């Protein structure tokens, strides 16, 4: 998320976030973007002015199998 916003993911949103990582092509950049060091560094910059924002996903229950 940009700027100082953060979202708390659980349930389906959390699972979708995890599966998106496994469906992307395996590249050096992709691996670096998912290392804990990067997450912690990003958190350090957000914590002083953090604000909770809703997480939006693109899950469409009517199109689970990709017909549309």
Protein backbone atom coordinates (compact mmCIF):
# COMPACT_ATOMS: atom_id res chain seq x y z
CA UNK A 1 0.00 0.00 0.00
CA UNK A 2 1.13 3.48 -0.75
CA UNK A 3 1.88 6.23 1.76
CA UNK A 4 1.03 5.48 5.41
CA UNK A 5 -1.99 3.23 4.92
CA UNK A 6 -2.14 -0.35 6.09
CA UNK A 7 -4.76 -3.09 6.05
CA UNK A 8 -5.25 -6.15 8.21
CA UNK A 9 -5.89 -9.25 6.12
CA UNK A 10 -7.51 -12.44 7.32
CA UNK A 11 -9.63 -15.19 5.87
CA UNK A 12 -10.11 -15.22 2.10
CA UNK A 13 -8.25 -11.94 1.51
CA UNK A 14 -5.19 -13.30 3.27
CA UNK A 15 -5.31 -16.53 1.27
CA UNK A 16 -5.67 -14.64 -2.02
CA UNK A 17 -2.65 -12.48 -1.17
CA UNK A 18 -0.59 -15.61 -0.47
CA UNK A 19 -1.63 -17.38 -3.68
CA UNK A 20 -0.88 -14.32 -5.81
CA UNK A 21 2.82 -14.67 -4.84
CA UNK A 22 2.87 -18.30 -6.01
CA UNK A 23 1.22 -17.50 -9.34
CA UNK A 24 3.68 -14.80 -10.39
CA UNK A 25 6.74 -15.73 -12.47
CA UNK A 26 9.73 -16.60 -10.29
CA UNK A 27 12.16 -13.71 -10.67
CA UNK A 28 14.84 -12.19 -8.47
CA UNK A 29 12.71 -9.06 -8.06
CA UNK A 30 9.65 -11.12 -7.05
CA UNK A 31 11.65 -12.96 -4.39
CA UNK A 32 13.15 -9.75 -3.01
CA UNK A 33 9.73 -8.11 -2.76
CA UNK A 34 8.46 -10.94 -0.54
CA UNK A 35 11.34 -11.10 1.95
CA UNK A 36 10.53 -10.23 5.55
CA UNK A 37 13.34 -7.64 5.63
CA UNK A 38 11.50 -5.58 3.02
CA UNK A 39 8.21 -5.78 4.94
CA UNK A 40 9.90 -4.70 8.18
CA UNK A 41 11.66 -1.79 6.47
CA UNK A 42 8.37 -0.64 4.95
CA UNK A 43 6.66 -0.89 8.35
CA UNK A 44 9.32 1.25 10.00
CA UNK A 45 8.47 4.12 7.65
CA UNK A 46 4.71 3.77 8.16
CA UNK A 47 4.41 3.23 11.92
CA UNK A 48 4.75 6.88 13.07
CA UNK A 49 1.75 8.05 11.00
CA UNK A 50 -0.03 4.77 10.21
CA UNK A 51 -3.76 4.72 9.50
CA UNK A 52 -5.96 1.65 9.01
CA UNK A 53 -7.65 1.47 5.61
CA UNK A 54 -9.95 -1.22 4.18
CA UNK A 55 -8.33 -3.86 2.00
CA UNK A 56 -10.03 -4.37 -1.35
CA UNK A 57 -9.66 -7.58 -3.34
CA UNK A 58 -10.91 -8.53 -6.78
CA UNK A 59 -12.60 -11.79 -5.75
CA UNK A 60 -15.71 -12.47 -7.82
CA UNK A 61 -17.72 -15.34 -6.34
CA UNK A 62 -19.79 -15.53 -9.52
CA UNK A 63 -16.68 -16.18 -11.63
CA UNK A 64 -14.68 -18.68 -9.56
CA UNK A 65 -13.77 -20.80 -12.56
CA UNK A 66 -12.90 -18.04 -15.02
CA UNK A 67 -15.91 -18.29 -17.35
CA UNK A 68 -16.25 -14.51 -17.67
